[in-house]
Amino acid sequence: MGIFDNLGKIFGSEKEEQPDIEKYLQEIEIEEEQKKNPPADFYVKSITIEDEQSLQNVFSELEQRNIVIVKLSSAVKQQPRFKKVVDALKDNATKIQGDIAALDENRLILTPSRVRIVKAAKR
């Protein structure tokens, strides 16, 4: 490091790092979006059940008081696994005093505590 390098630091003429303009614009866009749409108290989330981890994700979302739409993957729909997964979901919904219902043959809806699903009467 030479004398001129030290003088550059003292007088502020040292090379400055160029700002990342794209990153800055993205940050501004995110801030503006958050001002328009403040965070919600609860969310409706969709999770595909493929393995044990996705089951845990559903339980975690319910604990955070979010409503979860569960899509059952084709691997889960095999008979022994299907019953195990649906039983686990039902047990968890019951444990937290939530609710569960089928939307169709591939999807279920689970709600956190104090949220009930009005189920249509069977015809």
C-alpha atoms as a PDB file:
ATOM      1  CA  MET A   1       0.000   0.000   0.000  1.00  0.00           C
ATOM      2  CA  GLY A   2       1.529   3.296  -1.065  1.00  0.00           C
ATOM      3  CA  ILE A   3       1.341   6.871   0.109  1.00  0.00           C
ATOM      4  CA  PHE A   4      -1.246   7.762  -2.511  1.00  0.00           C
ATOM      5  CA  ASP A   5      -3.547   4.955  -1.349  1.00  0.00           C
ATOM      6  CA  ASN A   6      -3.467   6.364   2.193  1.00  0.00           C
ATOM      7  CA  LEU A   7      -4.135   9.881   0.914  1.00  0.00           C
ATOM      8  CA  GLY A   8      -7.095   8.539  -1.058  1.00  0.00           C
ATOM      9  CA  LYS A   9      -8.594   7.118   2.124  1.00  0.00           C
ATOM     10  CA  ILE A  10      -8.041  10.330   4.030  1.00  0.00           C
ATOM     11  CA  PHE A  11      -9.635  12.535   1.371  1.00  0.00           C
ATOM     12  CA  GLY A  12     -12.379  10.091   0.473  1.00  0.00           C
ATOM     13  CA  SER A  13     -11.317   9.378  -3.070  1.00  0.00           C
ATOM     14  CA  GLU A  14     -11.038   5.641  -2.505  1.00  0.00           C
ATOM     15  CA  LYS A  15     -12.990   3.576  -5.008  1.00  0.00           C
ATOM     16  CA  GLU A  16     -16.520   2.965  -3.757  1.00  0.00           C
ATOM     17  CA  GLU A  17     -18.393  -0.249  -4.388  1.00  0.00           C
ATOM     18  CA  GLN A  18     -21.123   0.152  -6.981  1.00  0.00           C
ATOM     19  CA  PRO A  19     -24.606  -0.436  -5.546  1.00  0.00           C
ATOM     20  CA  ASP A  20     -26.684  -3.310  -6.932  1.00  0.00           C
ATOM     21  CA  ILE A  21     -29.493  -1.370  -8.594  1.00  0.00           C
ATOM     22  CA  GLU A  22     -31.655  -4.462  -9.282  1.00  0.00           C
ATOM     23  CA  LYS A  23     -31.511  -5.522  -5.641  1.00  0.00           C
ATOM     24  CA  TYR A  24     -32.362  -1.996  -4.479  1.00  0.00           C
ATOM     25  CA  LEU A  25     -35.359  -1.780  -6.821  1.00  0.00           C
ATOM     26  CA  GLN A  26     -36.629  -5.171  -5.630  1.00  0.00           C
ATOM     27  CA  GLU A  27     -36.369  -4.029  -1.994  1.00  0.00           C
ATOM     28  CA  ILE A  28     -38.338  -0.867  -2.780  1.00  0.00           C
ATOM     29  CA  GLU A  29     -40.987  -2.909  -4.606  1.00  0.00           C
ATOM     30  CA  ILE A  30     -41.346  -5.280  -1.645  1.00  0.00           C
ATOM     31  CA  GLU A  31     -41.661  -2.359   0.806  1.00  0.00           C
ATOM     32  CA  GLU A  32     -44.333  -0.700  -1.343  1.00  0.00           C
ATOM     33  CA  GLU A  33     -46.258  -3.991  -1.621  1.00  0.00           C
ATOM     34  CA  GLN A  34     -46.145  -4.456   2.148  1.00  0.00           C
ATOM     35  CA  LYS A  35     -47.540  -0.948   2.666  1.00  0.00           C
ATOM     36  CA  LYS A  36     -50.446  -1.716   0.312  1.00  0.00           C
ATOM     37  CA  ASN A  37     -51.064  -5.188   1.722  1.00  0.00           C
ATOM     38  CA  PRO A  38     -50.099  -5.367   5.385  1.00  0.00           C
ATOM     39  CA  PRO A  39     -49.560  -8.846   6.815  1.00  0.00           C
ATOM     40  CA  ALA A  40     -52.752 -10.754   7.623  1.00  0.00           C
ATOM     41  CA  ASP A  41     -53.597 -12.334  10.949  1.00  0.00           C
ATOM     42  CA  PHE A  42     -54.195 -15.714   9.279  1.00  0.00           C
ATOM     43  CA  TYR A  43     -53.659 -17.242   5.857  1.00  0.00           C
ATOM     44  CA  VAL A  44     -55.131 -19.961   3.650  1.00  0.00           C
ATOM     45  CA  LYS A  45     -52.288 -22.162   2.450  1.00  0.00           C
ATOM     46  CA  SER A  46     -52.077 -25.108   0.077  1.00  0.00           C
ATOM     47  CA  ILE A  47     -49.746 -28.024   0.859  1.00  0.00           C
ATOM     48  CA  THR A  48     -49.261 -31.232  -1.128  1.00  0.00           C
ATOM     49  CA  ILE A  49     -48.724 -34.258   1.097  1.00  0.00           C
ATOM     50  CA  GLU A  50     -45.852 -36.314  -0.266  1.00  0.00           C
ATOM     51  CA  ASP A  51     -43.972 -37.412   2.846  1.00  0.00           C
ATOM     52  CA  GLU A  52     -43.736 -37.099   6.631  1.00  0.00           C
ATOM     53  CA  GLN A  53     -42.197 -33.608   6.371  1.00  0.00           C
ATOM     54  CA  SER A  54     -45.186 -32.243   4.449  1.00  0.00           C
ATOM     55  CA  LEU A  55     -47.467 -33.673   7.139  1.00  0.00           C
ATOM     56  CA  GLN A  56     -45.440 -31.794   9.761  1.00  0.00           C
ATOM     57  CA  ASN A  57     -45.756 -28.622   7.656  1.00  0.00           C
ATOM     58  CA  VAL A  58     -49.561 -28.963   7.787  1.00  0.00           C
ATOM     59  CA  PHE A  59     -49.485 -29.364  11.581  1.00  0.00           C
ATOM     60  CA  SER A  60     -47.206 -26.341  11.902  1.00  0.00           C
ATOM     61  CA  GLU A  61     -49.501 -24.169   9.763  1.00  0.00           C
ATOM     62  CA  LEU A  62     -52.524 -25.181  11.833  1.00  0.00           C
ATOM     63  CA  GLU A  63     -50.666 -24.260  15.031  1.00  0.00           C
ATOM     64  CA  GLN A  64     -50.094 -20.823  13.486  1.00  0.00           C
ATOM     65  CA  ARG A  65     -53.901 -20.617  13.028  1.00  0.00           C
ATOM     66  CA  ASN A  66     -53.776 -20.875   9.237  1.00  0.00           C
ATOM     67  CA  ILE A  67     -56.339 -22.757   7.172  1.00  0.00           C
ATOM     68  CA  VAL A  68     -54.712 -25.482   5.067  1.00  0.00           C
ATOM     69  CA  ILE A  69     -55.923 -27.021   1.831  1.00  0.00           C
ATOM     70  CA  VAL A  70     -54.217 -30.403   1.571  1.00  0.00           C
ATOM     71  CA  LYS A  71     -53.654 -32.044  -1.800  1.00  0.00           C
ATOM     72  CA  LEU A  72     -52.953 -35.767  -1.578  1.00  0.00           C
ATOM     73  CA  SER A  73     -50.211 -36.900  -3.967  1.00  0.00           C
ATOM     74  CA  SER A  74     -50.685 -40.105  -5.950  1.00  0.00           C
ATOM     75  CA  ALA A  75     -48.111 -41.857  -3.740  1.00  0.00           C
ATOM     76  CA  VAL A  76     -50.144 -41.020  -0.635  1.00  0.00           C
ATOM     77  CA  LYS A  77     -53.373 -42.240  -2.210  1.00  0.00           C
ATOM     78  CA  GLN A  78     -52.201 -45.878  -2.083  1.00  0.00           C
ATOM     79  CA  GLN A  79     -54.487 -47.677   0.345  1.00  0.00           C
ATOM     80  CA  PRO A  80     -52.361 -48.418   3.470  1.00  0.00           C
ATOM     81  CA  ARG A  81     -50.603 -45.059   3.363  1.00  0.00           C
ATOM     82  CA  PHE A  82     -53.797 -43.140   2.536  1.00  0.00           C
ATOM     83  CA  LYS A  83     -55.563 -44.300   5.691  1.00  0.00           C
ATOM     84  CA  LYS A  84     -52.502 -43.552   7.837  1.00  0.00           C
ATOM     85  CA  VAL A  85     -52.145 -40.007   6.448  1.00  0.00           C
ATOM     86  CA  VAL A  86     -55.853 -39.140   6.713  1.00  0.00           C
ATOM     87  CA  ASP A  87     -55.999 -40.561  10.252  1.00  0.00           C
ATOM     88  CA  ALA A  88     -52.954 -38.454  11.248  1.00  0.00           C
ATOM     89  CA  LEU A  89     -54.553 -35.315   9.796  1.00  0.00           C
ATOM     90  CA  LYS A  90     -57.882 -36.038  11.520  1.00  0.00           C
ATOM     91  CA  ASP A  91     -56.190 -36.802  14.861  1.00  0.00           C
ATOM     92  CA  ASN A  92     -54.227 -33.565  14.712  1.00  0.00           C
ATOM     93  CA  ALA A  93     -57.297 -31.498  13.791  1.00  0.00           C
ATOM     94  CA  THR A  94     -59.195 -33.062  16.687  1.00  0.00           C
ATOM     95  CA  LYS A  95     -56.285 -32.538  19.085  1.00  0.00           C
ATOM     96  CA  ILE A  96     -56.111 -28.805  18.370  1.00  0.00           C
ATOM     97  CA  GLN A  97     -59.931 -28.532  18.299  1.00  0.00           C
ATOM     98  CA  GLY A  98     -59.885 -27.729  14.604  1.00  0.00           C
ATOM     99  CA  ASP A  99     -61.896 -29.265  11.796  1.00  0.00           C
ATOM    100  CA  ILE A 100     -61.344 -31.351   8.656  1.00  0.00           C
ATOM    101  CA  ALA A 101     -63.438 -32.014   5.558  1.00  0.00           C
ATOM    102  CA  ALA A 102     -63.013 -33.415   2.059  1.00  0.00           C
ATOM    103  CA  LEU A 103     -63.251 -30.923  -0.794  1.00  0.00           C
ATOM    104  CA  ASP A 104     -63.014 -33.679  -3.418  1.00  0.00           C
ATOM    105  CA  GLU A 105     -61.274 -37.028  -3.786  1.00  0.00           C
ATOM    106  CA  ASN A 106     -57.826 -35.401  -3.934  1.00  0.00           C
ATOM    107  CA  ARG A 107     -58.125 -32.481  -1.511  1.00  0.00           C
ATOM    108  CA  LEU A 108     -58.968 -31.899   2.136  1.00  0.00           C
ATOM    109  CA  ILE A 109     -59.400 -28.697   4.093  1.00  0.00           C
ATOM    110  CA  LEU A 110     -58.171 -28.368   7.668  1.00  0.00           C
ATOM    111  CA  THR A 111     -58.915 -25.492   9.998  1.00  0.00           C
ATOM    112  CA  PRO A 112     -57.304 -24.366  13.251  1.00  0.00           C
ATOM    113  CA  SER A 113     -59.112 -24.183  16.569  1.00  0.00           C
ATOM    114  CA  ARG A 114     -62.304 -22.127  16.737  1.00  0.00           C
ATOM    115  CA  VAL A 115     -62.877 -22.371  12.970  1.00  0.00           C
ATOM    116  CA  ARG A 116     -65.631 -24.750  11.888  1.00  0.00           C
ATOM    117  CA  ILE A 117     -66.479 -26.104   8.460  1.00  0.00           C
ATOM    118  CA  VAL A 118     -70.169 -26.170   7.582  1.00  0.00           C
ATOM    119  CA  LYS A 119     -70.595 -29.522   5.876  1.00  0.00           C
ATOM    120  CA  ALA A 120     -73.427 -30.142   3.434  1.00  0.00           C
ATOM    121  CA  ALA A 121     -75.914 -32.808   4.433  1.00  0.00           C
ATOM    122  CA  LYS A 122     -75.608 -36.037   2.456  1.00  0.00           C
ATOM    123  CA  ARG A 123     -78.448 -36.540   0.013  1.00  0.00           C
END
